[in-house]
Every structure is written in C-alpha cells, then in structure tokens.
C-alpha cells in the first residue's frame, strides 16, 4: 500500500475491508508540474487519488487560451466518467 494513500480523504473514508480490497491496486505516482494526465478524446485508463497536490481540468481553445474548469485535491478522485 502506498504510504500517501490515506492522505487522500476519499480513500481514508473507506471502511477498512473495502480499502483492503483496493489497496493492492494502488500505486504512488509522482507527477511534475504541468504534467498532462489525459487529453480530450483519449481513453481513461487510470484513476487518480491526489494526496498532496491539486489537479486542474483545463479547457484549451483553438487559439491556445485556457480556462480552469474544475480542481480536484486530496478530497477526491479523477479519471472516471459516467457512460
């Protein structure tokens, strides 16, 4: 189990038996500032549970301007969507 797993409040809120089932699949990933997790239209293959970072969803226009649409910190998860 990664050492920072329980710094994510969503993971920390799971009952112990449920977290124990999930723990073998958790892997700590260090990302650099500005790293891109997903591009529009790409397949979602991983879930990210931030522990000590903030991840932004940006909308980039054709002329290169960007707008921050949402922010996920240690209270949430990203990388999933509803079908």
PDB file of N, CA and C in Angstrom:
ATOM      1  N   UNK A   1       0.848  -1.174   0.000  1.00  0.00           N
ATOM      2  CA  UNK A   1       0.000   0.000   0.000  1.00  0.00           C
ATOM      3  C   UNK A   1       0.897   1.241   0.000  1.00  0.00           C
ATOM      4  N   UNK A   2       0.646   2.176  -0.927  1.00  0.00           N
ATOM      5  CA  UNK A   2       1.440   3.399  -0.944  1.00  0.00           C
ATOM      6  C   UNK A   2       1.309   4.175   0.358  1.00  0.00           C
ATOM      7  N   UNK A   3       2.396   4.789   0.762  1.00  0.00           N
ATOM      8  CA  UNK A   3       2.422   5.491   2.040  1.00  0.00           C
ATOM      9  C   UNK A   3       1.478   6.684   2.096  1.00  0.00           C
ATOM     10  N   UNK A   4       1.202   7.317   0.960  1.00  0.00           N
ATOM     11  CA  UNK A   4       0.348   8.506   0.947  1.00  0.00           C
ATOM     12  C   UNK A   4      -1.126   8.205   0.692  1.00  0.00           C
ATOM     13  N   UNK A   5      -1.498   6.930   0.574  1.00  0.00           N
ATOM     14  CA  UNK A   5      -2.880   6.574   0.234  1.00  0.00           C
ATOM     15  C   UNK A   5      -3.898   7.222   1.152  1.00  0.00           C
ATOM     16  N   UNK A   6      -3.635   7.211   2.447  1.00  0.00           N
ATOM     17  CA  UNK A   6      -4.631   7.719   3.381  1.00  0.00           C
ATOM     18  C   UNK A   6      -4.591   9.232   3.536  1.00  0.00           C
ATOM     19  N   UNK A   7      -3.708   9.905   2.806  1.00  0.00           N
ATOM     20  CA  UNK A   7      -3.741  11.360   2.754  1.00  0.00           C
ATOM     21  C   UNK A   7      -4.860  11.831   1.833  1.00  0.00           C
ATOM     22  N   UNK A   8      -5.347  10.938   0.971  1.00  0.00           N
ATOM     23  CA  UNK A   8      -6.499  11.261   0.153  1.00  0.00           C
ATOM     24  C   UNK A   8      -7.728  10.991   1.013  1.00  0.00           C
ATOM     25  N   UNK A   9      -8.535  12.003   1.225  1.00  0.00           N
ATOM     26  CA  UNK A   9      -9.651  11.898   2.161  1.00  0.00           C
ATOM     27  C   UNK A   9     -10.724  10.924   1.696  1.00  0.00           C
ATOM     28  N   UNK A  10     -10.877  10.759   0.396  1.00  0.00           N
ATOM     29  CA  UNK A  10     -11.853   9.804  -0.111  1.00  0.00           C
ATOM     30  C   UNK A  10     -11.422   8.376   0.220  1.00  0.00           C
ATOM     31  N   UNK A  11     -10.144   8.063  -0.004  1.00  0.00           N
ATOM     32  CA  UNK A  11      -9.635   6.739   0.353  1.00  0.00           C
ATOM     33  C   UNK A  11      -9.671   6.524   1.862  1.00  0.00           C
ATOM     34  N   UNK A  12      -9.337   7.558   2.618  1.00  0.00           N
ATOM     35  CA  UNK A  12      -9.319   7.446   4.078  1.00  0.00           C
ATOM     36  C   UNK A  12     -10.714   7.206   4.650  1.00  0.00           C
ATOM     37  N   UNK A  13     -11.750   7.635   3.928  1.00  0.00           N
ATOM     38  CA  UNK A  13     -13.120   7.473   4.407  1.00  0.00           C
ATOM     39  C   UNK A  13     -13.686   6.076   4.147  1.00  0.00           C
ATOM     40  N   UNK A  14     -12.995   5.292   3.348  1.00  0.00           N
ATOM     41  CA  UNK A  14     -13.491   3.945   3.070  1.00  0.00           C
ATOM     42  C   UNK A  14     -13.408   3.070   4.308  1.00  0.00           C
ATOM     43  N   UNK A  15     -14.398   2.208   4.512  1.00  0.00           N
ATOM     44  CA  UNK A  15     -14.286   1.225   5.597  1.00  0.00           C
ATOM     45  C   UNK A  15     -13.069   0.329   5.344  1.00  0.00           C
ATOM     46  N   UNK A  16     -12.444  -0.133   6.392  1.00  0.00           N
ATOM     47  CA  UNK A  16     -11.208  -0.921   6.281  1.00  0.00           C
ATOM     48  C   UNK A  16     -11.314  -2.107   5.325  1.00  0.00           C
ATOM     49  N   UNK A  17     -12.399  -2.891   5.345  1.00  0.00           N
ATOM     50  CA  UNK A  17     -12.460  -4.034   4.419  1.00  0.00           C
ATOM     51  C   UNK A  17     -12.457  -3.613   2.940  1.00  0.00           C
ATOM     52  N   UNK A  18     -13.157  -2.517   2.622  1.00  0.00           N
ATOM     53  CA  UNK A  18     -13.193  -2.036   1.246  1.00  0.00           C
ATOM     54  C   UNK A  18     -11.833  -1.484   0.827  1.00  0.00           C
ATOM     55  N   UNK A  19     -11.184  -0.736   1.737  1.00  0.00           N
ATOM     56  CA  UNK A  19      -9.863  -0.215   1.414  1.00  0.00           C
ATOM     57  C   UNK A  19      -8.870  -1.365   1.212  1.00  0.00           C
ATOM     58  N   UNK A  20      -8.973  -2.406   2.027  1.00  0.00           N
ATOM     59  CA  UNK A  20      -8.073  -3.559   1.904  1.00  0.00           C
ATOM     60  C   UNK A  20      -8.212  -4.230   0.538  1.00  0.00           C
ATOM     61  N   UNK A  21      -9.414  -4.254  -0.011  1.00  0.00           N
ATOM     62  CA  UNK A  21      -9.621  -4.830  -1.350  1.00  0.00           C
ATOM     63  C   UNK A  21      -8.981  -3.961  -2.426  1.00  0.00           C
ATOM     64  N   UNK A  22      -8.993  -2.662  -2.233  1.00  0.00           N
ATOM     65  CA  UNK A  22      -8.474  -1.719  -3.218  1.00  0.00           C
ATOM     66  C   UNK A  22      -6.956  -1.534  -3.112  1.00  0.00           C
ATOM     67  N   UNK A  23      -6.413  -1.649  -1.927  1.00  0.00           N
ATOM     68  CA  UNK A  23      -5.004  -1.330  -1.662  1.00  0.00           C
ATOM     69  C   UNK A  23      -4.004  -2.023  -2.591  1.00  0.00           C
ATOM     70  N   UNK A  24      -4.166  -3.290  -2.946  1.00  0.00           N
ATOM     71  CA  UNK A  24      -3.176  -3.919  -3.825  1.00  0.00           C
ATOM     72  C   UNK A  24      -3.087  -3.281  -5.213  1.00  0.00           C
ATOM     73  N   UNK A  25      -4.088  -2.537  -5.596  1.00  0.00           N
ATOM     74  CA  UNK A  25      -4.113  -1.919  -6.924  1.00  0.00           C
ATOM     75  C   UNK A  25      -3.628  -0.474  -6.917  1.00  0.00           C
ATOM     76  N   UNK A  26      -3.342   0.060  -5.745  1.00  0.00           N
ATOM     77  CA  UNK A  26      -2.880   1.443  -5.644  1.00  0.00           C
ATOM     78  C   UNK A  26      -1.382   1.522  -5.881  1.00  0.00           C
ATOM     79  N   UNK A  27      -0.996   2.530  -6.621  1.00  0.00           N
ATOM     80  CA  UNK A  27       0.420   2.756  -6.911  1.00  0.00           C
ATOM     81  C   UNK A  27       0.697   4.250  -6.791  1.00  0.00           C
ATOM     82  N   UNK A  28       1.719   4.601  -6.048  1.00  0.00           N
ATOM     83  CA  UNK A  28       2.079   6.006  -5.921  1.00  0.00           C
ATOM     84  C   UNK A  28       2.738   6.475  -7.210  1.00  0.00           C
ATOM     85  N   UNK A  29       2.277   7.611  -7.722  1.00  0.00           N
ATOM     86  CA  UNK A  29       2.811   8.183  -8.953  1.00  0.00           C
ATOM     87  C   UNK A  29       3.229   9.610  -8.655  1.00  0.00           C
ATOM     88  N   UNK A  30       4.458   9.931  -8.953  1.00  0.00           N
ATOM     89  CA  UNK A  30       4.943  11.304  -8.795  1.00  0.00           C
ATOM     90  C   UNK A  30       4.835  12.003 -10.142  1.00  0.00           C
ATOM     91  N   UNK A  31       4.164  13.137 -10.142  1.00  0.00           N
ATOM     92  CA  UNK A  31       3.963  13.901 -11.370  1.00  0.00           C
ATOM     93  C   UNK A  31       4.639  15.252 -11.261  1.00  0.00           C
ATOM     94  N   UNK A  32       5.172  15.714 -12.365  1.00  0.00           N
ATOM     95  CA  UNK A  32       5.804  17.028 -12.370  1.00  0.00           C
ATOM     96  C   UNK A  32       4.752  18.103 -12.655  1.00  0.00           C
ATOM     97  N   UNK A  33       5.054  19.313 -12.264  1.00  0.00           N
ATOM     98  CA  UNK A  33       4.168  20.445 -12.507  1.00  0.00           C
ATOM     99  C   UNK A  33       3.899  20.547 -13.997  1.00  0.00           C
ATOM    100  N   UNK A  34       2.637  20.636 -14.359  1.00  0.00           N
ATOM    101  CA  UNK A  34       2.263  20.767 -15.765  1.00  0.00           C
ATOM    102  C   UNK A  34       2.075  19.446 -16.491  1.00  0.00           C
ATOM    103  N   UNK A  35       2.235  18.336 -15.786  1.00  0.00           N
ATOM    104  CA  UNK A  35       2.048  17.031 -16.417  1.00  0.00           C
ATOM    105  C   UNK A  35       0.608  16.900 -16.905  1.00  0.00           C
ATOM    106  N   UNK A  36       0.422  16.279 -18.054  1.00  0.00           N
ATOM    107  CA  UNK A  36      -0.906  16.062 -18.622  1.00  0.00           C
ATOM    108  C   UNK A  36      -1.324  14.628 -18.319  1.00  0.00           C
ATOM    109  N   UNK A  37      -2.462  14.471 -17.657  1.00  0.00           N
ATOM    110  CA  UNK A  37      -2.960  13.143 -17.324  1.00  0.00           C
ATOM    111  C   UNK A  37      -3.814  12.568 -18.443  1.00  0.00           C
ATOM    112  N   UNK A  38      -4.611  13.413 -19.075  1.00  0.00           N
ATOM    113  CA  UNK A  38      -5.500  12.989 -20.154  1.00  0.00           C
ATOM    114  C   UNK A  38      -5.602  14.100 -21.180  1.00  0.00           C
ATOM    115  N   UNK A  39      -5.760  13.701 -22.424  1.00  0.00           N
ATOM    116  CA  UNK A  39      -6.092  14.633 -23.497  1.00  0.00           C
ATOM    117  C   UNK A  39      -7.548  14.383 -23.871  1.00  0.00           C
ATOM    118  N   UNK A  40      -8.220  15.387 -24.338  1.00  0.00           N
ATOM    119  CA  UNK A  40      -9.602  15.246 -24.766  1.00  0.00           C
ATOM    120  C   UNK A  40      -9.719  14.129 -25.796  1.00  0.00           C
ATOM    121  N   UNK A  41     -10.676  13.243 -25.573  1.00  0.00           N
ATOM    122  CA  UNK A  41     -10.910  12.153 -26.501  1.00  0.00           C
ATOM    123  C   UNK A  41     -10.083  10.905 -26.244  1.00  0.00           C
ATOM    124  N   UNK A  42      -9.134  10.975 -25.313  1.00  0.00           N
ATOM    125  CA  UNK A  42      -8.312   9.793 -25.021  1.00  0.00           C
ATOM    126  C   UNK A  42      -9.068   8.858 -24.077  1.00  0.00           C
ATOM    127  N   UNK A  43      -8.663   7.603 -24.086  1.00  0.00           N
ATOM    128  CA  UNK A  43      -9.295   6.604 -23.233  1.00  0.00           C
ATOM    129  C   UNK A  43      -8.843   6.785 -21.788  1.00  0.00           C
ATOM    130  N   UNK A  44      -9.793   6.744 -20.863  1.00  0.00           N
ATOM    131  CA  UNK A  44      -9.474   6.841 -19.442  1.00  0.00           C
ATOM    132  C   UNK A  44      -9.028   5.461 -18.963  1.00  0.00           C
ATOM    133  N   UNK A  45      -7.787   5.329 -18.513  1.00  0.00           N
ATOM    134  CA  UNK A  45      -7.264   4.033 -18.127  1.00  0.00           C
ATOM    135  C   UNK A  45      -6.895   3.940 -16.646  1.00  0.00           C
ATOM    136  N   UNK A  46      -6.824   5.079 -15.952  1.00  0.00           N
ATOM    137  CA  UNK A  46      -6.405   5.082 -14.555  1.00  0.00           C
ATOM    138  C   UNK A  46      -7.280   6.045 -13.752  1.00  0.00           C
ATOM    139  N   UNK A  47      -7.385   5.762 -12.482  1.00  0.00           N
ATOM    140  CA  UNK A  47      -7.982   6.696 -11.540  1.00  0.00           C
ATOM    141  C   UNK A  47      -6.846   7.354 -10.778  1.00  0.00           C
ATOM    142  N   UNK A  48      -6.997   8.609 -10.445  1.00  0.00           N
ATOM    143  CA  UNK A  48      -6.001   9.333  -9.658  1.00  0.00           C
ATOM    144  C   UNK A  48      -6.664   9.840  -8.387  1.00  0.00           C
ATOM    145  N   UNK A  49      -6.033   9.550  -7.261  1.00  0.00           N
ATOM    146  CA  UNK A  49      -6.487   9.999  -5.952  1.00  0.00           C
ATOM    147  C   UNK A  49      -5.404  10.938  -5.412  1.00  0.00           C
ATOM    148  N   UNK A  50      -5.490  12.232  -5.708  1.00  0.00           N
ATOM    149  CA  UNK A  50      -4.439  13.149  -5.249  1.00  0.00           C
ATOM    150  C   UNK A  50      -4.272  13.084  -3.730  1.00  0.00           C
ATOM    151  N   UNK A  51      -3.024  13.128  -3.279  1.00  0.00           N
ATOM    152  CA  UNK A  51      -2.769  13.101  -1.843  1.00  0.00           C
ATOM    153  C   UNK A  51      -2.162  14.420  -1.357  1.00  0.00           C
ATOM    154  N   UNK A  52      -1.292  14.998  -2.139  1.00  0.00           N
ATOM    155  CA  UNK A  52      -0.650  16.254  -1.727  1.00  0.00           C
ATOM    156  C   UNK A  52      -0.501  17.193  -2.918  1.00  0.00           C
ATOM    157  N   UNK A  53      -1.524  17.195  -3.764  1.00  0.00           N
ATOM    158  CA  UNK A  53      -1.477  18.030  -4.965  1.00  0.00           C
ATOM    159  C   UNK A  53      -2.877  18.502  -5.327  1.00  0.00           C
ATOM    160  N   UNK A  54      -2.922  19.342  -6.328  1.00  0.00           N
ATOM    161  CA  UNK A  54      -4.183  19.805  -6.897  1.00  0.00           C
ATOM    162  C   UNK A  54      -4.094  19.538  -8.390  1.00  0.00           C
ATOM    163  N   UNK A  55      -5.141  18.950  -8.940  1.00  0.00           N
ATOM    164  CA  UNK A  55      -5.192  18.653 -10.368  1.00  0.00           C
ATOM    165  C   UNK A  55      -6.300  19.499 -10.972  1.00  0.00           C
ATOM    166  N   UNK A  56      -5.992  20.173 -12.072  1.00  0.00           N
ATOM    167  CA  UNK A  56      -6.959  21.050 -12.726  1.00  0.00           C
ATOM    168  C   UNK A  56      -7.424  20.456 -14.038  1.00  0.00           C
ATOM    169  N   UNK A  57      -8.699  20.661 -14.335  1.00  0.00           N
ATOM    170  CA  UNK A  57      -9.243  20.338 -15.639  1.00  0.00           C
ATOM    171  C   UNK A  57      -9.252  21.637 -16.421  1.00  0.00           C
ATOM    172  N   UNK A  58      -8.505  21.650 -17.513  1.00  0.00           N
ATOM    173  CA  UNK A  58      -8.399  22.861 -18.327  1.00  0.00           C
ATOM    174  C   UNK A  58      -9.115  22.686 -19.647  1.00  0.00           C
ATOM    175  N   UNK A  59      -9.747  23.740 -20.108  1.00  0.00           N
ATOM    176  CA  UNK A  59     -10.321  23.798 -21.446  1.00  0.00           C
ATOM    177  C   UNK A  59      -9.404  24.705 -22.248  1.00  0.00           C
ATOM    178  N   UNK A  60      -8.858  24.175 -23.323  1.00  0.00           N
ATOM    179  CA  UNK A  60      -7.946  24.949 -24.163  1.00  0.00           C
ATOM    180  C   UNK A  60      -8.641  25.239 -25.493  1.00  0.00           C
ATOM    181  N   UNK A  61      -8.675  26.511 -25.861  1.00  0.00           N
ATOM    182  CA  UNK A  61      -9.314  26.916 -27.111  1.00  0.00           C
ATOM    183  C   UNK A  61      -8.362  26.735 -28.288  1.00  0.00           C
ATOM    184  N   UNK A  62      -8.888  26.866 -29.486  1.00  0.00           N
ATOM    185  CA  UNK A  62      -8.068  26.714 -30.691  1.00  0.00           C
ATOM    186  C   UNK A  62      -6.929  27.715 -30.749  1.00  0.00           C
ATOM    187  N   UNK A  63      -7.119  28.899 -30.161  1.00  0.00           N
ATOM    188  CA  UNK A  63      -6.049  29.901 -30.197  1.00  0.00           C
ATOM    189  C   UNK A  63      -5.046  29.745 -29.052  1.00  0.00           C
ATOM    190  N   UNK A  64      -5.212  28.686 -28.235  1.00  0.00           N
ATOM    191  CA  UNK A  64      -4.247  28.400 -27.176  1.00  0.00           C
ATOM    192  C   UNK A  64      -4.599  28.953 -25.802  1.00  0.00           C
ATOM    193  N   UNK A  65      -5.665  29.737 -25.713  1.00  0.00           N
ATOM    194  CA  UNK A  65      -6.091  30.253 -24.407  1.00  0.00           C
ATOM    195  C   UNK A  65      -6.679  29.096 -23.592  1.00  0.00           C
ATOM    196  N   UNK A  66      -6.577  29.193 -22.277  1.00  0.00           N
ATOM    197  CA  UNK A  66      -7.120  28.121 -21.438  1.00  0.00           C
ATOM    198  C   UNK A  66      -7.940  28.691 -20.286  1.00  0.00           C
ATOM    199  N   UNK A  67      -8.882  27.872 -19.831  1.00  0.00           N
ATOM    200  CA  UNK A  67      -9.726  28.206 -18.694  1.00  0.00           C
ATOM    201  C   UNK A  67      -9.769  27.005 -17.772  1.00  0.00           C
ATOM    202  N   UNK A  68      -9.582  27.239 -16.480  1.00  0.00           N
ATOM    203  CA  UNK A  68      -9.667  26.165 -15.492  1.00  0.00           C
ATOM    204  C   UNK A  68     -11.140  25.876 -15.233  1.00  0.00           C
ATOM    205  N   UNK A  69     -11.540  24.604 -15.477  1.00  0.00           N
ATOM    206  CA  UNK A  69     -12.948  24.237 -15.354  1.00  0.00           C
ATOM    207  C   UNK A  69     -13.263  23.576 -14.021  1.00  0.00           C
ATOM    208  N   UNK A  70     -12.313  22.856 -13.458  1.00  0.00           N
ATOM    209  CA  UNK A  70     -12.516  22.248 -12.145  1.00  0.00           C
ATOM    210  C   UNK A  70     -11.165  21.952 -11.515  1.00  0.00           C
ATOM    211  N   UNK A  71     -11.201  21.716 -10.216  1.00  0.00           N
ATOM    212  CA  UNK A  71      -9.994  21.419  -9.455  1.00  0.00           C
ATOM    213  C   UNK A  71     -10.310  20.251  -8.519  1.00  0.00           C
ATOM    214  N   UNK A  72      -9.399  19.287  -8.460  1.00  0.00           N
ATOM    215  CA  UNK A  72      -9.542  18.155  -7.550  1.00  0.00           C
ATOM    216  C   UNK A  72      -8.308  18.101  -6.669  1.00  0.00           C
ATOM    217  N   UNK A  73      -8.531  18.027  -5.376  1.00  0.00           N
ATOM    218  CA  UNK A  73      -7.428  17.917  -4.427  1.00  0.00           C
ATOM    219  C   UNK A  73      -7.508  16.603  -3.676  1.00  0.00           C
ATOM    220  N   UNK A  74      -7.023  16.610  -2.448  1.00  0.00           N
ATOM    221  CA  UNK A  74      -6.959  15.361  -1.674  1.00  0.00           C
ATOM    222  C   UNK A  74      -8.327  14.895  -1.169  1.00  0.00           C
ATOM    223  N   UNK A  75      -9.395  15.567  -1.577  1.00  0.00           N
ATOM    224  CA  UNK A  75     -10.736  15.158  -1.179  1.00  0.00           C
ATOM    225  C   UNK A  75     -11.430  14.318  -2.239  1.00  0.00           C
ATOM    226  N   UNK A  76     -10.771  14.080  -3.370  1.00  0.00           N
ATOM    227  CA  UNK A  76     -11.495  13.437  -4.454  1.00  0.00           C
ATOM    228  C   UNK A  76     -10.697  12.471  -5.307  1.00  0.00           C
ATOM    229  N   UNK A  77     -11.273  12.217  -6.464  1.00  0.00           N
ATOM    230  CA  UNK A  77     -10.708  11.288  -7.438  1.00  0.00           C
ATOM    231  C   UNK A  77     -10.968  11.855  -8.822  1.00  0.00           C
ATOM    232  N   UNK A  78     -10.113  11.544  -9.764  1.00  0.00           N
ATOM    233  CA  UNK A  78     -10.365  11.909 -11.138  1.00  0.00           C
ATOM    234  C   UNK A  78      -9.958  10.773 -12.050  1.00  0.00           C
ATOM    235  N   UNK A  79     -10.509  10.803 -13.248  1.00  0.00           N
ATOM    236  CA  UNK A  79     -10.209   9.759 -14.216  1.00  0.00           C
ATOM    237  C   UNK A  79     -11.364   8.826 -14.483  1.00  0.00           C
ATOM    238  N   UNK A  80     -12.540   9.186 -14.076  1.00  0.00           N
ATOM    239  CA  UNK A  80     -13.715   8.365 -14.335  1.00  0.00           C
ATOM    240  C   UNK A  80     -14.803   9.281 -14.880  1.00  0.00           C
ATOM    241  N   UNK A  81     -15.760   8.664 -15.525  1.00  0.00           N
ATOM    242  CA  UNK A  81     -16.897   9.428 -16.043  1.00  0.00           C
ATOM    243  C   UNK A  81     -18.105   8.512 -16.143  1.00  0.00           C
ATOM    244  N   UNK A  82     -19.251   9.123 -16.274  1.00  0.00           N
ATOM    245  CA  UNK A  82     -20.491   8.360 -16.445  1.00  0.00           C
ATOM    246  C   UNK A  82     -20.680   8.061 -17.912  1.00  0.00           C
ATOM    247  N   UNK A  83     -21.163   6.872 -18.219  1.00  0.00           N
ATOM    248  CA  UNK A  83     -21.430   6.498 -19.605  1.00  0.00           C
ATOM    249  C   UNK A  83     -22.785   7.007 -20.041  1.00  0.00           C
TER     250      UNK A  83
END
